Amino acid sequence: MSSENILVRMPNWVGDVVMATPVLADLRRAFPKANITAMCQAPVCELLEQDPSIDELFCFSRLTNEFARRRERRDLVAKLRAGKYEAGILLTNSFSSAWWFWQGNVKRRIGFAGDLRSWLLTDALPYPAKEHQIATYKRLLAPLHISPSSTMPRLYVSSEEVAEVKQLLQQRGAVAGRPLIGLNPGAAFGSAKCWPPERFRELAERLLKQGKQVVLFGDVASRDWIHAIAPVGAINLAGLTTLRELVCAISLCDVLVTNDSGPMHIASAMGTSLVALFGSTDQTVTGPYGQKQTVIDKKVSCSPCLKRTCPIDFRCMRQITVDEVLRCLEP
């Protein structure tokens, strides 16, 4: 397959895209002369800009208007057919993604069985028992005779991008040479993944009293409530950065305190030290994948429940104290 066209349908969420980057690197290593295309939903596809493992980034948008969605499906299928892909790897488990590959005449279609889509795949693999998501993604390379690797997630940004974000931080009060602690109080899946906001505020206040610099991250949807908990003296970037700017900002932090979230995986991929707070989700499946990390997980009897909101007393996160997190941040 040294000269083949290979298409990889990337996941739809920030953290999952980061965890899937080793698949791209392993493909490039196995097929150095292949044309590798990453198909990814916007705006998450921004994360893969400048990735040296791919030759093309195929971005698309998921539209809500029914007429626009029909046109989108038609355009996607046309682009897939024009690509003449010999092999396609589906890191998504939906019926629709397999349907697009089948309609787009992707010759070899590799993915996990399920969602009634096995007949659309040429290589339908059984979904494995519980393991880290990165290992699960790598299993999809087996039909191409690529053995499981130790490849770590990685994101790529330019020195110019980092310099611009460093300037943004300085404009908002950051001082070079002083420790910079990032706080990520939100998570896309739901509040059950989130340490209580008032504890993030207390943590920020105490770090500022210690002479640390604090920067808060969040998306547009969380901007208002993060603004409400940001203490005087903290740098608040919630809702103010693109995804690529977020990657650069996290790379400039000495450590990131975060819930199980996309920014947690970004920090892991960029080599930023982590204090990751787990409750409703399972760190063995979606935990940070790197060396410089501390995971606080109380492992209460009802976790991991994988619920969006806690139906009882939220004991998994409320048992994590500010003092405990501060101890993890000590040199």
C-alpha atoms as a PDB file:
ATOM      1  CA  MET A   1       0.000   0.000   0.000  1.00  0.00           C
ATOM      2  CA  SER A   2       2.983   2.327  -0.361  1.00  0.00           C
ATOM      3  CA  SER A   3       1.240   4.511  -2.947  1.00  0.00           C
ATOM      4  CA  GLU A   4      -2.380   4.221  -1.761  1.00  0.00           C
ATOM      5  CA  ASN A   5      -4.852   6.915  -0.751  1.00  0.00           C
ATOM      6  CA  ILE A   6      -5.860   6.375   2.877  1.00  0.00           C
ATOM      7  CA  LEU A   7      -8.751   8.186   4.560  1.00  0.00           C
ATOM      8  CA  VAL A   8      -9.187   8.413   8.334  1.00  0.00           C
ATOM      9  CA  ARG A   9     -12.545   9.542   9.705  1.00  0.00           C
ATOM     10  CA  MET A  10     -11.520  11.277  12.921  1.00  0.00           C
ATOM     11  CA  PRO A  11     -13.746  11.527  16.028  1.00  0.00           C
ATOM     12  CA  ASN A  12     -15.995  14.526  16.669  1.00  0.00           C
ATOM     13  CA  TRP A  13     -14.848  15.684  20.128  1.00  0.00           C
ATOM     14  CA  VAL A  14     -11.702  17.606  21.041  1.00  0.00           C
ATOM     15  CA  GLY A  15     -10.333  15.053  23.483  1.00  0.00           C
ATOM     16  CA  ASP A  16     -11.102  12.133  21.187  1.00  0.00           C
ATOM     17  CA  VAL A  17      -9.344  13.797  18.254  1.00  0.00           C
ATOM     18  CA  VAL A  18      -6.242  14.267  20.404  1.00  0.00           C
ATOM     19  CA  MET A  19      -6.373  10.614  21.498  1.00  0.00           C
ATOM     20  CA  ALA A  20      -6.678   9.559  17.852  1.00  0.00           C
ATOM     21  CA  THR A  21      -3.525  11.351  16.653  1.00  0.00           C
ATOM     22  CA  PRO A  22      -1.308   8.268  17.245  1.00  0.00           C
ATOM     23  CA  VAL A  23      -3.300   6.484  14.532  1.00  0.00           C
ATOM     24  CA  LEU A  24      -2.194   9.108  12.017  1.00  0.00           C
ATOM     25  CA  ALA A  25       1.435   8.873  13.125  1.00  0.00           C
ATOM     26  CA  ASP A  26       1.419   5.055  12.957  1.00  0.00           C
ATOM     27  CA  LEU A  27      -0.117   5.119   9.477  1.00  0.00           C
ATOM     28  CA  ARG A  28       2.550   7.527   8.250  1.00  0.00           C
ATOM     29  CA  ARG A  29       5.290   5.366   9.723  1.00  0.00           C
ATOM     30  CA  ALA A  30       3.876   2.221   8.082  1.00  0.00           C
ATOM     31  CA  PHE A  31       3.089   3.832   4.716  1.00  0.00           C
ATOM     32  CA  PRO A  32       5.557   6.698   4.200  1.00  0.00           C
ATOM     33  CA  LYS A  33       4.588   7.176   0.538  1.00  0.00           C
ATOM     34  CA  ALA A  34       0.828   6.996   1.007  1.00  0.00           C
ATOM     35  CA  ASN A  35      -1.486   9.971   0.626  1.00  0.00           C
ATOM     36  CA  ILE A  36      -3.180  10.217   4.033  1.00  0.00           C
ATOM     37  CA  THR A  37      -6.298  12.340   4.508  1.00  0.00           C
ATOM     38  CA  ALA A  38      -7.877  13.123   7.879  1.00  0.00           C
ATOM     39  CA  MET A  39     -11.623  13.717   7.640  1.00  0.00           C
ATOM     40  CA  CYS A  40     -12.784  15.749  10.626  1.00  0.00           C
ATOM     41  CA  GLN A  41     -15.696  17.914  11.680  1.00  0.00           C
ATOM     42  CA  ALA A  42     -15.234  21.681  12.021  1.00  0.00           C
ATOM     43  CA  PRO A  43     -14.082  23.419  14.134  1.00  0.00           C
ATOM     44  CA  VAL A  44     -12.322  20.473  15.794  1.00  0.00           C
ATOM     45  CA  CYS A  45     -10.375  19.875  12.577  1.00  0.00           C
ATOM     46  CA  GLU A  46      -8.270  22.953  13.461  1.00  0.00           C
ATOM     47  CA  LEU A  47      -6.367  20.743  15.889  1.00  0.00           C
ATOM     48  CA  LEU A  48      -4.854  18.803  12.981  1.00  0.00           C
ATOM     49  CA  GLU A  49      -3.508  21.752  11.047  1.00  0.00           C
ATOM     50  CA  GLN A  50       0.261  21.366  10.553  1.00  0.00           C
ATOM     51  CA  ASP A  51       0.186  17.671  11.530  1.00  0.00           C
ATOM     52  CA  PRO A  52       3.073  16.185   9.499  1.00  0.00           C
ATOM     53  CA  SER A  53       1.421  12.748   9.390  1.00  0.00           C
ATOM     54  CA  ILE A  54      -1.298  13.874   6.976  1.00  0.00           C
ATOM     55  CA  ASP A  55      -1.278  15.197   3.433  1.00  0.00           C
ATOM     56  CA  GLU A  56      -4.774  16.637   3.440  1.00  0.00           C
ATOM     57  CA  LEU A  57      -7.281  17.847   6.008  1.00  0.00           C
ATOM     58  CA  PHE A  58     -10.863  17.205   4.891  1.00  0.00           C
ATOM     59  CA  CYS A  59     -13.026  19.483   7.087  1.00  0.00           C
ATOM     60  CA  PHE A  60     -16.806  19.431   7.032  1.00  0.00           C
ATOM     61  CA  SER A  61     -19.626  20.952   9.080  1.00  0.00           C
ATOM     62  CA  ARG A  62     -22.678  19.276  10.570  1.00  0.00           C
ATOM     63  CA  LEU A  63     -25.655  21.465   9.694  1.00  0.00           C
ATOM     64  CA  THR A  64     -29.055  21.583  11.397  1.00  0.00           C
ATOM     65  CA  ASN A  65     -31.225  22.784   8.501  1.00  0.00           C
ATOM     66  CA  GLU A  66     -32.673  19.712   6.754  1.00  0.00           C
ATOM     67  CA  PHE A  67     -32.223  21.103   3.240  1.00  0.00           C
ATOM     68  CA  ALA A  68     -28.634  22.067   4.025  1.00  0.00           C
ATOM     69  CA  ARG A  69     -28.006  18.614   5.528  1.00  0.00           C
ATOM     70  CA  ARG A  70     -29.188  16.879   2.351  1.00  0.00           C
ATOM     71  CA  ARG A  71     -26.887  19.083   0.289  1.00  0.00           C
ATOM     72  CA  GLU A  72     -24.055  18.417   2.740  1.00  0.00           C
ATOM     73  CA  ARG A  73     -24.481  14.643   2.430  1.00  0.00           C
ATOM     74  CA  ARG A  74     -24.480  14.904  -1.351  1.00  0.00           C
ATOM     75  CA  ASP A  75     -21.340  17.031  -1.341  1.00  0.00           C
ATOM     76  CA  LEU A  76     -19.560  14.727   1.106  1.00  0.00           C
ATOM     77  CA  VAL A  77     -20.260  11.649  -0.973  1.00  0.00           C
ATOM     78  CA  ALA A  78     -19.096  13.446  -4.126  1.00  0.00           C
ATOM     79  CA  LYS A  79     -15.840  14.457  -2.462  1.00  0.00           C
ATOM     80  CA  LEU A  80     -15.260  10.942  -1.161  1.00  0.00           C
ATOM     81  CA  ARG A  81     -15.773   9.492  -4.625  1.00  0.00           C
ATOM     82  CA  ALA A  82     -13.423  12.057  -6.136  1.00  0.00           C
ATOM     83  CA  GLY A  83     -10.745  11.073  -3.621  1.00  0.00           C
ATOM     84  CA  LYS A  84     -10.645   7.466  -4.898  1.00  0.00           C
ATOM     85  CA  TYR A  85      -9.615   6.163  -1.498  1.00  0.00           C
ATOM     86  CA  GLU A  86      -8.308   2.610  -1.406  1.00  0.00           C
ATOM     87  CA  ALA A  87      -8.636   2.330   2.371  1.00  0.00           C
ATOM     88  CA  GLY A  88     -10.715   4.120   4.978  1.00  0.00           C
ATOM     89  CA  ILE A  89     -10.486   3.832   8.752  1.00  0.00           C
ATOM     90  CA  LEU A  90     -13.534   4.796  10.798  1.00  0.00           C
ATOM     91  CA  LEU A  91     -12.643   6.040  14.276  1.00  0.00           C
ATOM     92  CA  THR A  92     -16.313   6.943  14.723  1.00  0.00           C
ATOM     93  CA  ASN A  93     -18.856   4.235  15.517  1.00  0.00           C
ATOM     94  CA  SER A  94     -21.936   5.733  13.865  1.00  0.00           C
ATOM     95  CA  PHE A  95     -23.982   4.204  11.077  1.00  0.00           C
ATOM     96  CA  SER A  96     -23.846   7.459   9.095  1.00  0.00           C
ATOM     97  CA  SER A  97     -20.047   7.565   8.912  1.00  0.00           C
ATOM     98  CA  ALA A  98     -19.916   4.000   7.564  1.00  0.00           C
ATOM     99  CA  TRP A  99     -22.720   4.855   5.119  1.00  0.00           C
ATOM    100  CA  TRP A 100     -20.727   7.800   3.753  1.00  0.00           C
ATOM    101  CA  PHE A 101     -17.680   5.588   3.169  1.00  0.00           C
ATOM    102  CA  TRP A 102     -19.831   2.982   1.412  1.00  0.00           C
ATOM    103  CA  GLN A 103     -21.605   5.587  -0.714  1.00  0.00           C
ATOM    104  CA  GLY A 104     -18.258   7.277  -1.431  1.00  0.00           C
ATOM    105  CA  ASN A 105     -16.792   4.080  -2.931  1.00  0.00           C
ATOM    106  CA  VAL A 106     -14.001   3.789  -0.372  1.00  0.00           C
ATOM    107  CA  LYS A 107     -12.709   0.351  -1.365  1.00  0.00           C
ATOM    108  CA  ARG A 108     -11.666  -1.005   2.010  1.00  0.00           C
ATOM    109  CA  ARG A 109     -13.736   0.190   4.955  1.00  0.00           C
ATOM    110  CA  ILE A 110     -12.354  -0.615   8.406  1.00  0.00           C
ATOM    111  CA  GLY A 111     -14.285   0.006  11.600  1.00  0.00           C
ATOM    112  CA  PHE A 112     -15.862  -1.516  14.669  1.00  0.00           C
ATOM    113  CA  ALA A 113     -19.028  -3.533  14.248  1.00  0.00           C
ATOM    114  CA  GLY A 114     -22.188  -2.200  15.844  1.00  0.00           C
ATOM    115  CA  ASP A 115     -25.014   0.238  15.155  1.00  0.00           C
ATOM    116  CA  LEU A 116     -26.225  -2.192  12.430  1.00  0.00           C
ATOM    117  CA  ARG A 117     -23.404  -1.095  10.142  1.00  0.00           C
ATOM    118  CA  SER A 118     -21.296  -4.253   9.754  1.00  0.00           C
ATOM    119  CA  TRP A 119     -22.642  -4.892   6.238  1.00  0.00           C
ATOM    120  CA  LEU A 120     -21.244  -1.511   5.169  1.00  0.00           C
ATOM    121  CA  LEU A 121     -17.720  -2.462   6.254  1.00  0.00           C
ATOM    122  CA  THR A 122     -15.205  -4.732   4.550  1.00  0.00           C
ATOM    123  CA  ASP A 123     -13.391  -5.196   7.887  1.00  0.00           C
ATOM    124  CA  ALA A 124     -15.833  -5.150  10.820  1.00  0.00           C
ATOM    125  CA  LEU A 125     -13.872  -5.592  14.040  1.00  0.00           C
ATOM    126  CA  PRO A 126     -15.455  -6.591  17.377  1.00  0.00           C
ATOM    127  CA  TYR A 127     -15.398  -3.773  19.902  1.00  0.00           C
ATOM    128  CA  PRO A 128     -12.797  -4.645  22.564  1.00  0.00           C
ATOM    129  CA  ALA A 129     -13.211  -5.010  26.301  1.00  0.00           C
ATOM    130  CA  LYS A 130     -12.562  -1.944  28.463  1.00  0.00           C
ATOM    131  CA  GLU A 131      -9.185  -0.382  27.772  1.00  0.00           C
ATOM    132  CA  HIS A 132      -7.790   3.078  27.172  1.00  0.00           C
ATOM    133  CA  GLN A 133      -9.421   4.793  24.194  1.00  0.00           C
ATOM    134  CA  ILE A 134      -6.036   5.297  22.525  1.00  0.00           C
ATOM    135  CA  ALA A 135      -5.436   1.528  22.536  1.00  0.00           C
ATOM    136  CA  THR A 136      -8.921   0.997  21.120  1.00  0.00           C
ATOM    137  CA  TYR A 137      -8.274   3.376  18.226  1.00  0.00           C
ATOM    138  CA  LYS A 138      -4.960   1.645  17.450  1.00  0.00           C
ATOM    139  CA  ARG A 139      -6.757  -1.720  17.116  1.00  0.00           C
ATOM    140  CA  LEU A 140      -8.310  -0.461  13.897  1.00  0.00           C
ATOM    141  CA  LEU A 141      -4.868  -0.568  12.271  1.00  0.00           C
ATOM    142  CA  ALA A 142      -4.601  -4.357  12.639  1.00  0.00           C
ATOM    143  CA  PRO A 143      -6.237  -5.138   9.247  1.00  0.00           C
ATOM    144  CA  LEU A 144      -3.415  -3.092   7.668  1.00  0.00           C
ATOM    145  CA  HIS A 145      -0.853  -5.252   9.522  1.00  0.00           C
ATOM    146  CA  ILE A 146       0.189  -2.419  11.858  1.00  0.00           C
ATOM    147  CA  SER A 147       0.958  -3.765  15.323  1.00  0.00           C
ATOM    148  CA  PRO A 148      -0.040  -1.883  18.493  1.00  0.00           C
ATOM    149  CA  SER A 149       2.513   0.819  19.169  1.00  0.00           C
ATOM    150  CA  SER A 150       3.673   3.020  22.030  1.00  0.00           C
ATOM    151  CA  THR A 151       3.005   6.174  19.991  1.00  0.00           C
ATOM    152  CA  MET A 152       1.775   9.023  22.175  1.00  0.00           C
ATOM    153  CA  PRO A 153      -0.780  11.723  21.268  1.00  0.00           C
ATOM    154  CA  ARG A 154       0.759  14.871  19.847  1.00  0.00           C
ATOM    155  CA  LEU A 155      -0.428  18.217  18.500  1.00  0.00           C
ATOM    156  CA  TYR A 156       1.570  20.635  16.377  1.00  0.00           C
ATOM    157  CA  VAL A 157       1.686  24.429  16.563  1.00  0.00           C
ATOM    158  CA  SER A 158       4.157  26.889  15.083  1.00  0.00           C
ATOM    159  CA  SER A 159       6.547  29.066  17.044  1.00  0.00           C
ATOM    160  CA  GLU A 160       4.743  32.090  15.587  1.00  0.00           C
ATOM    161  CA  GLU A 161       1.415  30.895  17.003  1.00  0.00           C
ATOM    162  CA  VAL A 162       2.970  30.355  20.433  1.00  0.00           C
ATOM    163  CA  ALA A 163       4.581  33.820  20.344  1.00  0.00           C
ATOM    164  CA  GLU A 164       1.228  35.459  19.553  1.00  0.00           C
ATOM    165  CA  VAL A 165      -0.501  33.720  22.465  1.00  0.00           C
ATOM    166  CA  LYS A 166       2.383  34.586  24.779  1.00  0.00           C
ATOM    167  CA  GLN A 167       1.858  38.218  23.798  1.00  0.00           C
ATOM    168  CA  LEU A 168      -1.886  37.876  24.483  1.00  0.00           C
ATOM    169  CA  LEU A 169      -1.147  36.563  27.974  1.00  0.00           C
ATOM    170  CA  GLN A 170       1.287  39.403  28.645  1.00  0.00           C
ATOM    171  CA  GLN A 171      -1.275  41.953  27.485  1.00  0.00           C
ATOM    172  CA  ARG A 172      -3.632  40.521  30.103  1.00  0.00           C
ATOM    173  CA  GLY A 173      -1.081  40.785  32.881  1.00  0.00           C
ATOM    174  CA  ALA A 174       1.077  37.662  32.693  1.00  0.00           C
ATOM    175  CA  VAL A 175       4.673  38.185  33.780  1.00  0.00           C
ATOM    176  CA  ALA A 176       7.446  36.092  32.241  1.00  0.00           C
ATOM    177  CA  GLY A 177       9.325  33.944  34.734  1.00  0.00           C
ATOM    178  CA  ARG A 178       6.505  33.575  37.267  1.00  0.00           C
ATOM    179  CA  PRO A 179       4.685  30.215  37.550  1.00  0.00           C
ATOM    180  CA  LEU A 180       1.564  30.064  35.370  1.00  0.00           C
ATOM    181  CA  ILE A 181      -1.192  27.706  36.532  1.00  0.00           C
ATOM    182  CA  GLY A 182      -4.011  26.906  34.126  1.00  0.00           C
ATOM    183  CA  LEU A 183      -7.493  26.067  35.405  1.00  0.00           C
ATOM    184  CA  ASN A 184     -10.120  24.386  33.241  1.00  0.00           C
ATOM    185  CA  PRO A 185     -13.390  24.356  35.237  1.00  0.00           C
ATOM    186  CA  GLY A 186     -15.706  23.051  32.483  1.00  0.00           C
ATOM    187  CA  ALA A 187     -16.294  19.904  30.447  1.00  0.00           C
ATOM    188  CA  ALA A 188     -18.447  19.406  27.372  1.00  0.00           C
ATOM    189  CA  PHE A 189     -20.250  16.203  28.367  1.00  0.00           C
ATOM    190  CA  GLY A 190     -22.001  17.554  31.458  1.00  0.00           C
ATOM    191  CA  SER A 191     -21.763  18.862  35.000  1.00  0.00           C
ATOM    192  CA  ALA A 192     -21.158  15.392  36.495  1.00  0.00           C
ATOM    193  CA  LYS A 193     -17.598  15.594  35.152  1.00  0.00           C
ATOM    194  CA  CYS A 194     -16.915  18.943  36.823  1.00  0.00           C
ATOM    195  CA  TRP A 195     -15.386  19.771  40.185  1.00  0.00           C
ATOM    196  CA  PRO A 196     -17.685  22.359  41.852  1.00  0.00           C
ATOM    197  CA  PRO A 197     -17.074  25.853  40.395  1.00  0.00           C
ATOM    198  CA  GLU A 198     -16.757  27.440  43.840  1.00  0.00           C
ATOM    199  CA  ARG A 199     -13.796  25.177  44.547  1.00  0.00           C
ATOM    200  CA  PHE A 200     -12.071  26.268  41.364  1.00  0.00           C
ATOM    201  CA  ARG A 201     -12.598  29.848  42.546  1.00  0.00           C
ATOM    202  CA  GLU A 202     -11.134  29.101  45.980  1.00  0.00           C
ATOM    203  CA  LEU A 203      -8.191  27.313  44.366  1.00  0.00           C
ATOM    204  CA  ALA A 204      -7.535  30.320  42.120  1.00  0.00           C
ATOM    205  CA  GLU A 205      -7.693  32.748  45.061  1.00  0.00           C
ATOM    206  CA  ARG A 206      -5.248  30.719  47.116  1.00  0.00           C
ATOM    207  CA  LEU A 207      -2.832  30.306  44.221  1.00  0.00           C
ATOM    208  CA  LEU A 208      -2.870  34.057  43.620  1.00  0.00           C
ATOM    209  CA  LYS A 209      -2.085  34.658  47.304  1.00  0.00           C
ATOM    210  CA  GLN A 210       0.915  32.343  46.896  1.00  0.00           C
ATOM    211  CA  GLY A 211       2.227  34.592  44.114  1.00  0.00           C
ATOM    212  CA  LYS A 212       1.262  32.231  41.308  1.00  0.00           C
ATOM    213  CA  GLN A 213      -0.315  33.442  38.084  1.00  0.00           C
ATOM    214  CA  VAL A 214      -3.652  31.872  37.206  1.00  0.00           C
ATOM    215  CA  VAL A 215      -5.280  31.610  33.775  1.00  0.00           C
ATOM    216  CA  LEU A 216      -8.796  30.217  33.304  1.00  0.00           C
ATOM    217  CA  PHE A 217      -9.872  28.407  30.138  1.00  0.00           C
ATOM    218  CA  GLY A 218     -13.322  27.665  28.760  1.00  0.00           C
ATOM    219  CA  ASP A 219     -15.443  27.758  25.620  1.00  0.00           C
ATOM    220  CA  VAL A 220     -18.064  30.310  24.594  1.00  0.00           C
ATOM    221  CA  ALA A 221     -20.860  28.330  26.268  1.00  0.00           C
ATOM    222  CA  SER A 222     -19.097  28.473  29.655  1.00  0.00           C
ATOM    223  CA  ARG A 223     -17.786  32.033  29.353  1.00  0.00           C
ATOM    224  CA  ASP A 224     -20.360  33.740  31.596  1.00  0.00           C
ATOM    225  CA  TRP A 225     -20.207  31.377  34.566  1.00  0.00           C
ATOM    226  CA  ILE A 226     -16.410  31.162  34.418  1.00  0.00           C
ATOM    227  CA  HIS A 227     -16.318  34.959  34.438  1.00  0.00           C
ATOM    228  CA  ALA A 228     -18.480  34.846  37.576  1.00  0.00           C
ATOM    229  CA  ILE A 229     -16.017  32.619  39.448  1.00  0.00           C
ATOM    230  CA  ALA A 230     -12.793  34.264  38.207  1.00  0.00           C
ATOM    231  CA  PRO A 231     -11.203  36.188  41.099  1.00  0.00           C
ATOM    232  CA  VAL A 232      -9.568  39.585  40.710  1.00  0.00           C
ATOM    233  CA  GLY A 233      -6.038  39.077  39.423  1.00  0.00           C
ATOM    234  CA  ALA A 234      -6.741  35.951  37.394  1.00  0.00           C
ATOM    235  CA  ILE A 235      -6.410  35.955  33.605  1.00  0.00           C
ATOM    236  CA  ASN A 236      -9.700  34.821  32.090  1.00  0.00           C
ATOM    237  CA  LEU A 237      -9.477  33.474  28.512  1.00  0.00           C
ATOM    238  CA  ALA A 238     -12.848  31.684  28.548  1.00  0.00           C
ATOM    239  CA  GLY A 239     -14.506  32.105  25.175  1.00  0.00           C
ATOM    240  CA  LEU A 240     -11.667  34.262  23.846  1.00  0.00           C
ATOM    241  CA  THR A 241      -9.431  31.754  22.076  1.00  0.00           C
ATOM    242  CA  THR A 242      -9.595  29.610  18.993  1.00  0.00           C
ATOM    243  CA  LEU A 243      -8.772  25.946  19.446  1.00  0.00           C
ATOM    244  CA  ARG A 244      -5.246  26.484  18.186  1.00  0.00           C
ATOM    245  CA  GLU A 245      -4.757  29.436  20.529  1.00  0.00           C
ATOM    246  CA  LEU A 246      -6.014  27.246  23.371  1.00  0.00           C
ATOM    247  CA  VAL A 247      -3.389  24.624  22.499  1.00  0.00           C
ATOM    248  CA  CYS A 248      -0.659  27.278  22.582  1.00  0.00           C
ATOM    249  CA  ALA A 249      -1.881  28.766  25.860  1.00  0.00           C
ATOM    250  CA  ILE A 250      -1.998  25.367  27.557  1.00  0.00           C
ATOM    251  CA  SER A 251       1.514  24.623  26.296  1.00  0.00           C
ATOM    252  CA  LEU A 252       2.718  27.797  28.070  1.00  0.00           C
ATOM    253  CA  CYS A 253       1.317  26.731  31.452  1.00  0.00           C
ATOM    254  CA  ASP A 254       3.508  25.105  34.066  1.00  0.00           C
ATOM    255  CA  VAL A 255       0.595  22.896  35.078  1.00  0.00           C
ATOM    256  CA  LEU A 256      -3.098  22.556  34.219  1.00  0.00           C
ATOM    257  CA  VAL A 257      -5.766  21.668  36.803  1.00  0.00           C
ATOM    258  CA  THR A 258      -8.682  20.238  34.888  1.00  0.00           C
ATOM    259  CA  ASN A 259     -11.721  18.028  34.761  1.00  0.00           C
ATOM    260  CA  ASP A 260     -11.817  15.092  32.353  1.00  0.00           C
ATOM    261  CA  SER A 261     -12.086  17.147  29.157  1.00  0.00           C
ATOM    262  CA  GLY A 262     -10.585  18.082  25.807  1.00  0.00           C
ATOM    263  CA  PRO A 263      -8.119  20.561  27.377  1.00  0.00           C
ATOM    264  CA  MET A 264      -6.881  17.751  29.634  1.00  0.00           C
ATOM    265  CA  HIS A 265      -5.895  15.713  26.569  1.00  0.00           C
ATOM    266  CA  ILE A 266      -4.414  18.793  24.901  1.00  0.00           C
ATOM    267  CA  ALA A 267      -2.164  19.333  27.933  1.00  0.00           C
ATOM    268  CA  SER A 268      -1.087  15.694  27.852  1.00  0.00           C
ATOM    269  CA  ALA A 269      -0.247  15.924  24.146  1.00  0.00           C
ATOM    270  CA  MET A 270       1.700  19.168  24.632  1.00  0.00           C
ATOM    271  CA  GLY A 271       3.742  17.903  27.585  1.00  0.00           C
ATOM    272  CA  THR A 272       2.149  20.218  30.153  1.00  0.00           C
ATOM    273  CA  SER A 273       1.982  18.793  33.674  1.00  0.00           C
ATOM    274  CA  LEU A 274      -1.511  17.856  34.801  1.00  0.00           C
ATOM    275  CA  VAL A 275      -3.664  17.552  37.868  1.00  0.00           C
ATOM    276  CA  ALA A 276      -6.734  15.787  36.478  1.00  0.00           C
ATOM    277  CA  LEU A 277      -9.914  15.466  38.555  1.00  0.00           C
ATOM    278  CA  PHE A 278     -12.071  12.395  37.877  1.00  0.00           C
ATOM    279  CA  GLY A 279     -15.468  11.416  39.184  1.00  0.00           C
ATOM    280  CA  SER A 280     -18.234  10.232  36.859  1.00  0.00           C
ATOM    281  CA  THR A 281     -15.890   9.045  34.110  1.00  0.00           C
ATOM    282  CA  ASP A 282     -13.318   6.245  33.980  1.00  0.00           C
ATOM    283  CA  GLN A 283      -9.663   7.219  33.998  1.00  0.00           C
ATOM    284  CA  THR A 284      -8.675   3.782  32.673  1.00  0.00           C
ATOM    285  CA  VAL A 285     -10.529   4.635  29.447  1.00  0.00           C
ATOM    286  CA  THR A 286     -10.201   8.401  29.027  1.00  0.00           C
ATOM    287  CA  GLY A 287      -7.508   9.381  31.511  1.00  0.00           C
ATOM    288  CA  PRO A 288      -4.482  11.464  30.518  1.00  0.00           C
ATOM    289  CA  TYR A 289      -1.918   9.493  28.541  1.00  0.00           C
ATOM    290  CA  GLY A 290       1.486  10.741  29.555  1.00  0.00           C
ATOM    291  CA  GLN A 291       4.146  10.865  32.213  1.00  0.00           C
ATOM    292  CA  LYS A 292       3.743  14.291  33.887  1.00  0.00           C
ATOM    293  CA  GLN A 293       0.352  13.789  35.476  1.00  0.00           C
ATOM    294  CA  THR A 294      -1.497  13.424  38.735  1.00  0.00           C
ATOM    295  CA  VAL A 295      -5.009  11.992  38.733  1.00  0.00           C
ATOM    296  CA  ILE A 296      -7.290  12.506  41.719  1.00  0.00           C
ATOM    297  CA  ASP A 297     -10.093   9.949  41.670  1.00  0.00           C
ATOM    298  CA  LYS A 298     -11.928   9.082  44.868  1.00  0.00           C
ATOM    299  CA  LYS A 299     -13.361   5.888  43.316  1.00  0.00           C
ATOM    300  CA  VAL A 300     -16.604   6.071  45.262  1.00  0.00           C
ATOM    301  CA  SER A 301     -19.016   3.155  45.022  1.00  0.00           C
ATOM    302  CA  CYS A 302     -21.203   4.735  42.324  1.00  0.00           C
ATOM    303  CA  SER A 303     -18.407   5.818  39.977  1.00  0.00           C
ATOM    304  CA  PRO A 304     -17.768   5.709  37.145  1.00  0.00           C
ATOM    305  CA  CYS A 305     -21.456   6.235  36.413  1.00  0.00           C
ATOM    306  CA  LEU A 306     -20.905   7.991  33.048  1.00  0.00           C
ATOM    307  CA  LYS A 307     -23.936  10.209  33.677  1.00  0.00           C
ATOM    308  CA  ARG A 308     -24.200  13.802  32.471  1.00  0.00           C
ATOM    309  CA  THR A 309     -25.630  15.019  35.793  1.00  0.00           C
ATOM    310  CA  CYS A 310     -25.389  13.465  39.240  1.00  0.00           C
ATOM    311  CA  PRO A 311     -28.747  12.110  40.492  1.00  0.00           C
ATOM    312  CA  ILE A 312     -27.627  11.960  44.142  1.00  0.00           C
ATOM    313  CA  ASP A 313     -25.086  13.896  46.241  1.00  0.00           C
ATOM    314  CA  PHE A 314     -22.131  14.279  43.801  1.00  0.00           C
ATOM    315  CA  ARG A 315     -19.835  12.576  46.320  1.00  0.00           C
ATOM    316  CA  CYS A 316     -17.190  11.665  43.714  1.00  0.00           C
ATOM    317  CA  MET A 317     -16.234  15.299  43.146  1.00  0.00           C
ATOM    318  CA  ARG A 318     -17.206  16.839  46.482  1.00  0.00           C
ATOM    319  CA  GLN A 319     -14.743  14.564  48.269  1.00  0.00           C
ATOM    320  CA  ILE A 320     -11.890  16.248  46.384  1.00  0.00           C
ATOM    321  CA  THR A 321     -10.785  19.191  48.528  1.00  0.00           C
ATOM    322  CA  VAL A 322      -8.952  22.378  47.593  1.00  0.00           C
ATOM    323  CA  ASP A 323      -6.196  21.467  50.041  1.00  0.00           C
ATOM    324  CA  GLU A 324      -5.681  18.151  48.276  1.00  0.00           C
ATOM    325  CA  VAL A 325      -5.321  19.826  44.895  1.00  0.00           C
ATOM    326  CA  LEU A 326      -2.941  22.419  46.314  1.00  0.00           C
ATOM    327  CA  ARG A 327      -0.721  19.659  47.719  1.00  0.00           C
ATOM    328  CA  CYS A 328      -0.500  18.184  44.224  1.00  0.00           C
ATOM    329  CA  LEU A 329       0.756  21.542  42.943  1.00  0.00           C
ATOM    330  CA  GLU A 330       3.604  21.770  45.442  1.00  0.00           C
ATOM    331  CA  PRO A 331       7.117  21.464  43.926  1.00  0.00           C
END
